[in-house]
């Protein structure tokens, strides 16, 4: 399985904002990797206590405490405040990583409007809100990168995941269309599509049976580690992907 590997200063001099970065999942792993690659990092999350803990952990692991601002992605004024505050404090936002999302399991037979709306609002619409807000800063500068976190479920069917799959498919479509809208300004918009990345929170909200089924589909016979997804996000954020926009990159070892 290995380790993240040495840093190469791929984001030296860049400012990066990672949303939903509290906890132990892809968001935190991305913030950590970006910092190790030389970026000045800001993080946000709706959970204030966990956000503070994440900032302290990042400081301990990198020697630099990130800017940490609480934000609920379902509330536009909080999203606008987050983007404006980070841009003011750091001077610019070179990279936005949209990691916010909400899962759940329910059959379409029994799914309520509230369940559907909560997942779509937190996973898809929150990504749109942050994208729109940050582009108001990036477009005048004619520079910037957005990396969205989609999911293999945007392509693949799975029982009980209609709301989440629809939201992640929407993130993919948003990525492609937003990329076309801002290409003339030199701004790139891409996404990653992980299959399964194991971390403690996922284990809490997913049954052992479901995790076993998902893992069995992987060629390596295991889930990805969050840092393995973070590495691909860093690639898309860096100048190494300068000719890529509107792309959704699968981070998976799945076989049919």
Protein backbone atom coordinates (compact mmCIF):
# COMPACT_ATOMS: atom_id res chain seq x y z
CA UNK A 1 0.00 0.00 0.00
CA UNK A 2 2.96 2.33 0.53
CA UNK A 3 3.12 5.88 1.79
CA UNK A 4 2.36 9.28 0.20
CA UNK A 5 5.97 9.66 -0.92
CA UNK A 6 8.25 12.69 -0.90
CA UNK A 7 7.00 16.17 -1.74
CA UNK A 8 8.15 17.95 -4.88
CA UNK A 9 6.93 21.52 -4.26
CA UNK A 10 4.27 21.13 -6.94
CA UNK A 11 2.20 23.90 -5.36
CA UNK A 12 4.96 26.22 -4.15
CA UNK A 13 3.72 29.78 -3.92
CA UNK A 14 0.08 28.77 -4.43
CA UNK A 15 -2.85 29.44 -2.11
CA UNK A 16 -5.27 26.55 -1.73
CA UNK A 17 -8.70 26.36 -0.07
CA UNK A 18 -10.02 22.90 0.78
CA UNK A 19 -13.64 22.60 1.88
CA UNK A 20 -14.95 19.91 4.26
CA UNK A 21 -11.40 19.33 5.47
CA UNK A 22 -12.08 18.38 9.09
CA UNK A 23 -11.86 14.76 10.11
CA UNK A 24 -9.74 12.01 8.60
CA UNK A 25 -10.99 11.73 5.03
CA UNK A 26 -10.03 13.00 1.59
CA UNK A 27 -10.39 16.67 2.54
CA UNK A 28 -7.88 16.53 5.36
CA UNK A 29 -5.49 14.36 3.35
CA UNK A 30 -5.68 16.88 0.50
CA UNK A 31 -5.01 19.84 2.77
CA UNK A 32 -2.01 18.03 4.26
CA UNK A 33 -0.59 17.07 0.88
CA UNK A 34 -1.09 20.58 -0.52
CA UNK A 35 0.76 22.04 2.46
CA UNK A 36 3.61 19.58 2.02
CA UNK A 37 3.76 20.53 -1.66
CA UNK A 38 4.47 24.12 -0.66
CA UNK A 39 1.00 25.67 -0.73
CA UNK A 40 -0.41 28.15 1.76
CA UNK A 41 -3.53 26.32 2.87
CA UNK A 42 -6.95 27.39 4.12
CA UNK A 43 -9.55 24.89 5.28
CA UNK A 44 -13.25 25.04 6.03
CA UNK A 45 -15.89 22.76 7.50
CA UNK A 46 -19.35 23.06 9.01
CA UNK A 47 -18.17 21.33 12.20
CA UNK A 48 -16.35 24.05 14.14
CA UNK A 49 -14.78 21.82 16.81
CA UNK A 50 -13.51 19.28 14.28
CA UNK A 51 -12.26 22.13 12.09
CA UNK A 52 -10.19 23.50 14.96
CA UNK A 53 -8.79 20.05 15.66
CA UNK A 54 -7.90 19.62 11.98
CA UNK A 55 -6.08 22.96 11.95
CA UNK A 56 -4.06 21.96 15.01
CA UNK A 57 -3.18 18.60 13.44
CA UNK A 58 -2.06 20.26 10.23
CA UNK A 59 0.09 22.67 12.20
CA UNK A 60 1.67 19.77 14.04
CA UNK A 61 2.38 17.83 10.85
CA UNK A 62 3.56 20.71 8.67
CA UNK A 63 4.81 23.39 11.06
CA UNK A 64 2.31 25.93 9.67
CA UNK A 65 -1.19 26.44 10.98
CA UNK A 66 -3.72 26.84 8.17
CA UNK A 67 -6.36 29.53 7.99
CA UNK A 68 -9.51 27.80 9.26
CA UNK A 69 -12.99 29.25 8.69
CA UNK A 70 -16.29 27.57 9.53
CA UNK A 71 -18.71 27.29 6.64
CA UNK A 72 -21.97 25.49 5.91
CA UNK A 73 -21.99 24.96 2.16
CA UNK A 74 -25.78 24.98 2.06
CA UNK A 75 -25.91 28.65 3.15
CA UNK A 76 -24.84 31.07 0.43
CA UNK A 77 -23.86 33.93 2.74
CA UNK A 78 -21.49 31.63 4.62
CA UNK A 79 -19.96 30.46 1.35
CA UNK A 80 -19.51 34.05 0.17
CA UNK A 81 -17.94 34.98 3.51
CA UNK A 82 -15.56 32.02 3.31
CA UNK A 83 -14.33 32.88 -0.17
CA UNK A 84 -14.03 36.60 0.52
CA UNK A 85 -12.25 36.06 3.84
CA UNK A 86 -9.72 33.60 2.42
CA UNK A 87 -8.99 35.84 -0.57
CA UNK A 88 -8.54 38.86 1.71
CA UNK A 89 -6.33 37.04 4.21
CA UNK A 90 -4.15 35.15 1.71
CA UNK A 91 -4.21 37.69 -1.10
CA UNK A 92 -5.79 35.32 -3.60
CA UNK A 93 -7.24 31.85 -4.02
CA UNK A 94 -5.22 30.00 -6.64
CA UNK A 95 -6.89 26.63 -6.08
CA UNK A 96 -10.29 25.64 -4.71
CA UNK A 97 -10.85 22.00 -3.81
CA UNK A 98 -14.58 21.34 -3.49
CA UNK A 99 -14.76 18.36 -1.16
CA UNK A 100 -18.11 19.01 0.53
CA UNK A 101 -20.70 16.24 0.33
CA UNK A 102 -23.32 14.22 2.18
CA UNK A 103 -24.11 10.54 1.77
CA UNK A 104 -26.77 8.17 3.02
CA UNK A 105 -28.57 4.99 2.05
CA UNK A 106 -32.23 4.78 1.04
CA UNK A 107 -34.21 3.03 -1.66
CA UNK A 108 -36.05 5.31 -4.08
CA UNK A 109 -39.19 3.48 -2.96
CA UNK A 110 -38.88 4.87 0.56
CA UNK A 111 -36.73 7.96 0.03
CA UNK A 112 -38.30 11.17 1.31
CA UNK A 113 -38.11 14.59 -0.32
CA UNK A 114 -36.05 15.70 2.68
CA UNK A 115 -33.48 12.93 2.21
CA UNK A 116 -33.20 13.65 -1.51
CA UNK A 117 -32.93 17.40 -1.05
CA UNK A 118 -30.37 17.21 1.77
CA UNK A 119 -27.97 15.10 -0.29
CA UNK A 120 -28.42 17.15 -3.48
CA UNK A 121 -28.06 20.46 -1.64
CA UNK A 122 -24.95 19.49 0.30
CA UNK A 123 -23.21 17.51 -2.43
CA UNK A 124 -24.11 19.23 -5.70
CA UNK A 125 -25.52 22.67 -4.95
CA UNK A 126 -22.87 23.47 -2.34
CA UNK A 127 -20.21 22.67 -4.95
CA UNK A 128 -21.96 25.06 -7.34
CA UNK A 129 -22.18 27.79 -4.68
CA UNK A 130 -18.47 27.68 -3.88
CA UNK A 131 -17.54 27.47 -7.56
CA UNK A 132 -19.63 30.52 -8.41
CA UNK A 133 -18.25 32.48 -5.46
CA UNK A 134 -14.58 31.71 -6.14
CA UNK A 135 -14.90 32.46 -9.86
CA UNK A 136 -15.81 36.03 -8.97
CA UNK A 137 -12.24 36.28 -7.63
CA UNK A 138 -10.53 34.15 -10.27
CA UNK A 139 -12.08 35.65 -13.41
CA UNK A 140 -10.71 39.18 -12.89
CA UNK A 141 -7.24 37.66 -12.31
CA UNK A 142 -7.66 35.38 -15.34
CA UNK A 143 -6.14 32.53 -13.37
CA UNK A 144 -7.18 29.76 -11.05
CA UNK A 145 -7.90 26.05 -10.66
CA UNK A 146 -10.94 24.26 -9.27
CA UNK A 147 -10.87 20.56 -8.39
CA UNK A 148 -14.16 18.90 -7.48
CA UNK A 149 -14.62 15.62 -5.63
CA UNK A 150 -17.07 13.46 -7.55
CA UNK A 151 -17.53 9.70 -7.15
CA UNK A 152 -17.54 6.55 -9.21
CA UNK A 153 -21.26 6.42 -8.35
CA UNK A 154 -21.72 9.23 -10.85
CA UNK A 155 -21.13 6.50 -13.45
CA UNK A 156 -22.13 3.29 -11.71
CA UNK A 157 -25.42 2.02 -10.27
CA UNK A 158 -25.65 0.91 -6.66
CA UNK A 159 -28.63 0.04 -4.50
CA UNK A 160 -29.79 2.71 -2.09
CA UNK A 161 -27.64 5.44 -3.64
CA UNK A 162 -29.97 7.20 -6.10
CA UNK A 163 -29.69 10.59 -4.37
CA UNK A 164 -25.91 10.44 -3.88
CA UNK A 165 -25.28 9.05 -7.37
CA UNK A 166 -27.47 11.73 -8.94
CA UNK A 167 -25.63 14.42 -6.99
CA UNK A 168 -22.20 13.13 -7.96
CA UNK A 169 -23.23 12.77 -11.61
CA UNK A 170 -24.31 16.39 -11.31
CA UNK A 171 -20.88 17.33 -9.97
CA UNK A 172 -19.34 15.72 -13.03
CA UNK A 173 -21.63 17.66 -15.38
CA UNK A 174 -21.05 20.88 -13.45
CA UNK A 175 -17.30 20.31 -13.78
CA UNK A 176 -17.47 19.90 -17.55
CA UNK A 177 -19.79 22.86 -18.18
CA UNK A 178 -18.07 25.24 -15.75
CA UNK A 179 -14.78 24.42 -17.45
CA UNK A 180 -16.20 25.60 -20.76
CA UNK A 181 -17.63 28.75 -19.18
CA UNK A 182 -14.26 29.90 -17.85
CA UNK A 183 -11.78 28.50 -20.36
CA UNK A 184 -11.40 31.92 -22.00
CA UNK A 185 -10.07 33.24 -18.69
CA UNK A 186 -7.38 30.58 -18.36
CA UNK A 187 -9.17 28.93 -15.43
CA UNK A 188 -9.23 25.14 -15.26
CA UNK A 189 -11.98 23.00 -13.68
CA UNK A 190 -11.50 19.25 -13.21
CA UNK A 191 -12.71 16.53 -10.87
CA UNK A 192 -11.61 13.28 -9.30
CA UNK A 193 -13.91 10.29 -9.13
CA UNK A 194 -12.84 7.97 -6.31
CA UNK A 195 -14.34 4.52 -5.94
CA UNK A 196 -13.82 3.89 -2.23
CA UNK A 197 -11.38 5.58 0.13
CA UNK A 198 -11.37 4.15 3.61
CA UNK A 199 -11.35 6.33 6.71
CA UNK A 200 -12.97 6.06 10.15
CA UNK A 201 -16.00 8.23 9.36
CA UNK A 202 -16.92 6.11 6.34
CA UNK A 203 -16.69 3.00 8.47
CA UNK A 204 -19.17 4.56 10.92
CA UNK A 205 -21.83 5.38 8.33
CA UNK A 206 -21.49 2.33 6.06
CA UNK A 207 -22.31 -1.28 6.88
CA UNK A 208 -19.58 -3.89 6.89
CA UNK A 209 -21.48 -5.77 4.18
CA UNK A 210 -21.54 -2.74 1.88
CA UNK A 211 -17.85 -2.04 2.47
CA UNK A 212 -17.00 -5.66 1.74
CA UNK A 213 -19.00 -5.55 -1.49
CA UNK A 214 -17.32 -2.35 -2.64
CA UNK A 215 -13.85 -3.59 -1.75
CA UNK A 216 -14.44 -6.86 -3.61
CA UNK A 217 -14.87 -4.89 -6.84
CA UNK A 218 -11.38 -3.42 -6.55
CA UNK A 219 -8.54 -5.04 -8.48
CA UNK A 220 -6.16 -4.51 -5.56
CA UNK A 221 -8.63 -6.09 -3.14
CA UNK A 222 -8.63 -3.07 -0.86
CA UNK A 223 -10.00 0.43 -0.56
CA UNK A 224 -7.87 3.44 -1.44
CA UNK A 225 -6.23 5.42 1.32
CA UNK A 226 -7.36 9.08 1.41
CA UNK A 227 -3.82 10.23 0.54
CA UNK A 228 -3.97 8.22 -2.69
CA UNK A 229 -6.92 10.34 -3.82
CA UNK A 230 -5.24 13.49 -2.49
CA UNK A 231 -2.21 12.84 -4.69
CA UNK A 232 -4.39 12.96 -7.81
CA UNK A 233 -6.11 16.12 -6.59
CA UNK A 234 -2.70 17.75 -6.14
CA UNK A 235 -1.75 16.74 -9.68
CA UNK A 236 -4.92 18.39 -11.04
CA UNK A 237 -4.23 21.48 -8.92
CA UNK A 238 -0.67 21.76 -10.18
CA UNK A 239 0.84 23.03 -13.42
CA UNK A 240 1.52 19.43 -14.41
CA UNK A 241 -2.10 19.25 -15.59
CA UNK A 242 -2.00 22.60 -17.42
CA UNK A 243 -3.72 21.25 -20.55
CA UNK A 244 -6.52 19.46 -18.69
CA UNK A 245 -9.92 21.02 -18.10
CA UNK A 246 -13.43 19.63 -17.93
CA UNK A 247 -12.01 16.20 -17.11
CA UNK A 248 -13.20 13.69 -14.52
CA UNK A 249 -10.30 11.47 -13.47
CA UNK A 250 -11.18 8.08 -12.02
CA UNK A 251 -9.19 7.17 -8.91
CA UNK A 252 -9.98 3.52 -8.69
CA UNK A 253 -8.72 0.00 -9.30
CA UNK A 254 -12.10 -1.36 -10.28
CA UNK A 255 -12.58 -4.22 -12.65
CA UNK A 256 -15.89 -5.37 -14.22
